[in-house]
Amino acid sequence: MAPRTRTRSYDSARIRAAVTAQFGHVADAVRTLTPEQLARPTHMGSWTVAELAAHIAWIADSLARGLDRPPAPKAELSAVEWPFATAPLAGQIADAAGEVLSGAPLPELYERAAGRMAEALATHRDDRVLDLWIGAMSLGDFMVTRTVELVVHTDDLNRAAGLEIPVERQALAACTRLLADALAVRAPGGSVEVRIPPFAVVQCVEGPRHTRGTPPNVVETDPLTWIRLATGRTDWATAVQDAAVRAGGERADLSGLLPLLS
């Protein structure tokens, strides 16, 4: 697990609204999927579009289930530590989602999950501590991680099913910032400046710290490319070759640090 570090603050009301709205966008799109689209493969192992869509429903449903359980005594993980804790459990999480949500039509799954999530969020404050497989987290921090799950899987669904599901700006911003901060935790330092306009700038990688003027090592990319790099949806070499990433300086190769989770 990555070492504990101070994390940036997020506006709770905006994060809750963004998560709720993004789940609603996906739910609306899933209702339009044809049998042919549902049967399409995804780039996520053996999952079909139908299985991916069911997993997204589980993201909301599992939040409510977590809040149904007795709270943990104190938080063990911050939001920025979540990527390092969740990556080793990806297969276990996927199996659990399949067991919980199998057998019901997708529209029914989404309607149930949306209702349960709304009720849970109306009942609990951000300082409520969830007892999770990966470790105890405050509800406020866990909600920030839900922006990552929803933004990443919205992109997965768009690419696999040929959809154009919109992404909430606040959800995209929080997702981008959390993953940028996680990079700075994985490779602490100040020799490389990573710019992801308009949402994030972080310094990382050991070496001479930049203080003024143009940094000697700069990486710049757009939010969606960054999210795909950080989650293993694309690789560094391809992104650089396609000019989706601009990297300058002898320390500006981040290929050995990515992905942060997949």
Protein backbone atom coordinates (compact mmCIF):
# COMPACT_ATOMS: atom_id res chain seq x y z
CA MET A 1 0.00 0.00 0.00
CA ALA A 2 1.17 3.51 -0.71
CA PRO A 3 2.30 5.59 2.26
CA ARG A 4 -0.29 7.84 3.86
CA THR A 5 -0.25 11.35 2.52
CA ARG A 6 -2.26 14.51 2.88
CA THR A 7 -5.03 14.62 0.28
CA ARG A 8 -6.78 17.51 -1.36
CA SER A 9 -10.27 18.41 -0.25
CA TYR A 10 -13.39 17.93 -2.35
CA ASP A 11 -16.76 19.63 -2.19
CA SER A 12 -19.05 16.97 -0.73
CA ALA A 13 -22.29 18.27 -2.23
CA ARG A 14 -20.76 18.50 -5.69
CA ILE A 15 -19.25 15.02 -5.49
CA ARG A 16 -22.54 13.49 -4.38
CA ALA A 17 -24.41 15.31 -7.14
CA ALA A 18 -21.85 14.27 -9.75
CA VAL A 19 -21.94 10.60 -8.75
CA THR A 20 -25.74 10.56 -8.77
CA ALA A 21 -25.95 12.35 -12.13
CA GLN A 22 -23.29 10.16 -13.77
CA PHE A 23 -25.04 7.00 -12.65
CA GLY A 24 -28.24 8.42 -14.09
CA HIS A 25 -26.57 9.09 -17.45
CA VAL A 26 -25.40 5.48 -17.61
CA ALA A 27 -28.81 4.17 -16.56
CA ASP A 28 -30.51 6.14 -19.33
CA ALA A 29 -28.09 4.77 -21.91
CA VAL A 30 -28.30 1.17 -20.71
CA ARG A 31 -32.07 1.19 -21.23
CA THR A 32 -31.47 1.82 -24.95
CA LEU A 33 -29.03 -1.03 -25.52
CA THR A 34 -30.08 -3.62 -28.07
CA PRO A 35 -29.45 -7.37 -27.68
CA GLU A 36 -26.70 -7.04 -30.28
CA GLN A 37 -24.97 -4.29 -28.29
CA LEU A 38 -25.34 -6.17 -25.01
CA ALA A 39 -23.61 -9.20 -26.51
CA ARG A 40 -20.59 -7.26 -27.77
CA PRO A 41 -17.21 -7.96 -26.20
CA THR A 42 -15.35 -5.37 -24.15
CA HIS A 43 -11.62 -4.90 -23.59
CA MET A 44 -12.15 -6.08 -20.00
CA GLY A 45 -11.24 -9.74 -20.23
CA SER A 46 -14.20 -11.95 -21.07
CA TRP A 47 -16.85 -9.42 -20.07
CA THR A 48 -19.60 -8.56 -22.49
CA VAL A 49 -21.30 -5.17 -22.57
CA ALA A 50 -24.14 -6.69 -20.53
CA GLU A 51 -21.72 -7.78 -17.81
CA LEU A 52 -20.00 -4.41 -17.80
CA ALA A 53 -23.36 -2.66 -17.49
CA ALA A 54 -24.31 -4.93 -14.58
CA HIS A 55 -21.03 -4.13 -12.87
CA ILE A 56 -21.77 -0.40 -13.09
CA ALA A 57 -25.13 -1.02 -11.43
CA TRP A 58 -23.27 -2.86 -8.67
CA ILE A 59 -21.12 0.24 -8.03
CA ALA A 60 -24.21 2.07 -6.79
CA ASP A 61 -25.78 -0.96 -5.15
CA SER A 62 -22.60 -1.82 -3.23
CA LEU A 63 -22.42 1.69 -1.79
CA ALA A 64 -25.82 1.18 -0.19
CA ARG A 65 -24.85 -2.31 0.98
CA GLY A 66 -21.72 -0.93 2.59
CA LEU A 67 -23.75 1.65 4.48
CA ASP A 68 -26.14 -1.06 5.65
CA ARG A 69 -23.32 -2.73 7.56
CA PRO A 70 -22.21 -1.53 11.01
CA PRO A 71 -19.63 1.26 10.70
CA ALA A 72 -15.93 0.68 11.24
CA PRO A 73 -14.41 2.46 14.26
CA LYS A 74 -12.09 4.66 12.20
CA ALA A 75 -10.93 5.24 8.63
CA GLU A 76 -7.81 3.40 7.50
CA LEU A 77 -7.60 4.60 3.89
CA SER A 78 -7.80 8.03 2.30
CA ALA A 79 -9.15 8.53 -1.20
CA VAL A 80 -5.68 8.81 -2.75
CA GLU A 81 -4.66 5.46 -1.23
CA TRP A 82 -7.68 3.68 -2.68
CA PRO A 83 -6.14 2.87 -6.11
CA PHE A 84 -3.27 0.96 -4.48
CA ALA A 85 -5.58 -0.97 -2.16
CA THR A 86 -8.23 -1.89 -4.71
CA ALA A 87 -6.03 -3.06 -7.61
CA PRO A 88 -5.10 -6.46 -6.04
CA LEU A 89 -8.79 -7.20 -5.34
CA ALA A 90 -10.17 -6.43 -8.81
CA GLY A 91 -11.00 -10.05 -9.60
CA GLN A 92 -12.63 -10.65 -6.23
CA ILE A 93 -14.72 -7.50 -6.60
CA ALA A 94 -15.86 -8.52 -10.09
CA ASP A 95 -16.90 -11.98 -8.83
CA ALA A 96 -18.86 -10.46 -5.96
CA ALA A 97 -20.66 -8.11 -8.31
CA GLY A 98 -21.69 -10.98 -10.53
CA GLU A 99 -23.09 -12.96 -7.63
CA VAL A 100 -25.12 -10.05 -6.27
CA LEU A 101 -26.61 -8.83 -9.53
CA SER A 102 -27.10 -11.92 -11.68
CA GLY A 103 -30.56 -12.87 -12.85
CA ALA A 104 -32.40 -9.53 -12.99
CA PRO A 105 -33.00 -7.38 -16.11
CA LEU A 106 -30.62 -4.45 -16.37
CA PRO A 107 -33.30 -1.72 -16.13
CA GLU A 108 -34.52 -3.33 -12.90
CA LEU A 109 -30.98 -3.49 -11.53
CA TYR A 110 -30.41 0.19 -12.25
CA GLU A 111 -33.73 1.31 -10.81
CA ARG A 112 -33.12 -0.63 -7.62
CA ALA A 113 -29.51 0.52 -7.29
CA ALA A 114 -30.38 4.18 -7.88
CA GLY A 115 -33.10 4.08 -5.24
CA ARG A 116 -30.89 2.36 -2.68
CA MET A 117 -28.01 4.75 -3.29
CA ALA A 118 -30.22 7.84 -3.01
CA GLU A 119 -31.74 6.61 0.25
CA ALA A 120 -28.33 5.76 1.70
CA LEU A 121 -26.80 9.13 0.80
CA ALA A 122 -29.76 10.97 2.28
CA THR A 123 -29.29 9.09 5.54
CA HIS A 124 -25.52 9.23 6.13
CA ARG A 125 -23.00 12.04 6.53
CA ASP A 126 -19.50 12.10 5.06
CA ASP A 127 -17.86 11.12 8.35
CA ARG A 128 -19.66 7.77 8.40
CA VAL A 129 -16.92 5.08 8.12
CA LEU A 130 -17.58 2.15 5.82
CA ASP A 131 -16.17 -1.29 6.63
CA LEU A 132 -14.87 -2.36 3.21
CA TRP A 133 -12.81 -5.29 1.91
CA ILE A 134 -9.96 -2.94 1.08
CA GLY A 135 -10.03 -1.22 4.47
CA ALA A 136 -12.22 1.25 6.28
CA MET A 137 -12.94 4.53 4.50
CA SER A 138 -15.02 7.57 5.31
CA LEU A 139 -18.08 8.00 3.14
CA GLY A 140 -16.74 11.34 1.91
CA ASP A 141 -13.52 9.78 0.62
CA PHE A 142 -15.30 6.74 -0.77
CA MET A 143 -17.63 8.95 -2.79
CA VAL A 144 -14.62 10.53 -4.51
CA THR A 145 -13.48 7.06 -5.56
CA ARG A 146 -16.94 6.44 -7.04
CA THR A 147 -16.23 9.21 -9.56
CA VAL A 148 -13.25 7.17 -10.75
CA GLU A 149 -15.31 3.99 -11.09
CA LEU A 150 -18.13 5.73 -12.92
CA VAL A 151 -16.02 7.86 -15.26
CA VAL A 152 -13.74 4.96 -16.19
CA HIS A 153 -16.59 2.54 -16.81
CA THR A 154 -18.65 5.13 -18.68
CA ASP A 155 -15.72 5.39 -21.08
CA ASP A 156 -15.47 1.59 -21.23
CA LEU A 157 -19.16 1.34 -22.08
CA ASN A 158 -19.00 4.07 -24.70
CA ARG A 159 -16.11 2.38 -26.47
CA ALA A 160 -17.55 -1.14 -26.33
CA ALA A 161 -21.17 -0.38 -27.20
CA GLY A 162 -20.68 2.61 -29.50
CA LEU A 163 -22.46 4.99 -27.12
CA GLU A 164 -21.94 8.66 -26.34
CA ILE A 165 -22.84 8.79 -22.66
CA PRO A 166 -21.98 12.25 -21.32
CA VAL A 167 -19.55 12.65 -18.44
CA GLU A 168 -20.31 15.09 -15.64
CA ARG A 169 -17.61 17.77 -15.47
CA GLN A 170 -17.33 17.51 -11.68
CA ALA A 171 -16.97 13.73 -11.87
CA LEU A 172 -14.29 14.04 -14.56
CA ALA A 173 -12.43 16.64 -12.52
CA ALA A 174 -12.44 14.57 -9.33
CA CYS A 175 -11.41 11.42 -11.17
CA THR A 176 -8.54 13.21 -12.89
CA ARG A 177 -7.30 14.83 -9.69
CA LEU A 178 -7.44 11.69 -7.58
CA LEU A 179 -5.45 9.68 -10.13
CA ALA A 180 -2.93 12.51 -10.57
CA ASP A 181 -2.44 12.70 -6.80
CA ALA A 182 -2.03 8.91 -6.70
CA LEU A 183 0.82 9.21 -9.21
CA ALA A 184 2.52 11.74 -6.92
CA VAL A 185 2.15 9.27 -4.04
CA ARG A 186 3.58 6.40 -6.07
CA ALA A 187 6.57 8.45 -7.26
CA PRO A 188 7.14 11.28 -4.75
CA GLY A 189 9.46 14.05 -5.82
CA GLY A 190 9.58 17.28 -7.74
CA SER A 191 11.59 16.67 -10.89
CA VAL A 192 8.65 16.09 -13.27
CA GLU A 193 5.59 18.28 -13.65
CA VAL A 194 2.48 16.49 -14.91
CA ARG A 195 -0.15 18.79 -16.35
CA ILE A 196 -3.69 17.64 -17.07
CA PRO A 197 -5.55 20.83 -17.95
CA PRO A 198 -7.91 22.14 -16.84
CA PHE A 199 -8.10 19.96 -13.74
CA ALA A 200 -4.73 18.98 -12.29
CA VAL A 201 -1.02 19.73 -12.02
CA VAL A 202 1.24 17.58 -9.84
CA GLN A 203 4.96 17.18 -9.35
CA CYS A 204 6.48 13.72 -8.99
CA VAL A 205 9.60 11.57 -9.46
CA GLU A 206 12.75 11.92 -7.39
CA GLY A 207 15.37 14.33 -8.63
CA PRO A 208 16.10 18.06 -8.71
CA ARG A 209 13.02 20.00 -7.66
CA HIS A 210 11.77 22.69 -10.02
CA THR A 211 11.16 26.08 -8.37
CA ARG A 212 10.73 28.72 -11.08
CA GLY A 213 10.63 29.18 -14.84
CA THR A 214 9.85 26.39 -17.29
CA PRO A 215 10.27 22.94 -15.69
CA PRO A 216 12.95 20.77 -17.35
CA ASN A 217 10.68 17.71 -17.35
CA VAL A 218 7.06 18.18 -18.34
CA VAL A 219 4.26 15.76 -19.21
CA GLU A 220 0.99 17.13 -20.53
CA THR A 221 -2.14 15.36 -21.65
CA ASP A 222 -5.92 15.68 -21.61
CA PRO A 223 -8.11 14.25 -18.81
CA LEU A 224 -9.51 11.29 -20.75
CA THR A 225 -6.10 10.18 -22.01
CA TRP A 226 -4.70 10.51 -18.50
CA ILE A 227 -7.52 8.40 -17.06
CA ARG A 228 -6.96 5.73 -19.71
CA LEU A 229 -3.23 5.69 -18.96
CA ALA A 230 -3.75 5.55 -15.21
CA THR A 231 -6.19 2.64 -15.48
CA GLY A 232 -4.42 0.62 -18.15
CA ARG A 233 -6.90 1.35 -20.95
CA THR A 234 -4.05 2.60 -23.12
CA ASP A 235 -0.27 2.38 -22.83
CA TRP A 236 2.34 5.10 -22.64
CA ALA A 237 4.06 4.34 -25.95
CA THR A 238 0.79 4.42 -27.88
CA ALA A 239 -0.34 7.67 -26.28
CA VAL A 240 2.99 9.35 -27.03
CA GLN A 241 3.03 8.03 -30.60
CA ASP A 242 -0.51 9.32 -31.17
CA ALA A 243 0.50 12.74 -29.75
CA ALA A 244 -2.10 12.35 -27.00
CA VAL A 245 0.76 12.84 -24.53
CA ARG A 246 3.49 15.47 -24.85
CA ALA A 247 6.55 14.57 -22.81
CA GLY A 248 9.78 16.56 -22.66
CA GLY A 249 12.91 16.01 -20.56
CA GLU A 250 15.07 13.04 -19.65
CA ARG A 251 12.87 12.13 -16.65
CA ALA A 252 9.52 12.59 -18.40
CA ASP A 253 8.92 8.92 -19.30
CA LEU A 254 6.19 7.66 -16.94
CA SER A 255 5.80 4.25 -18.55
CA GLY A 256 7.34 2.49 -15.55
CA LEU A 257 4.82 4.06 -13.16
CA LEU A 258 1.62 3.31 -15.07
CA PRO A 259 -1.01 2.02 -14.79
CA LEU A 260 -1.94 2.93 -11.24
CA LEU A 261 -4.87 0.50 -11.32
CA SER A 262 -6.53 -1.67 -13.94
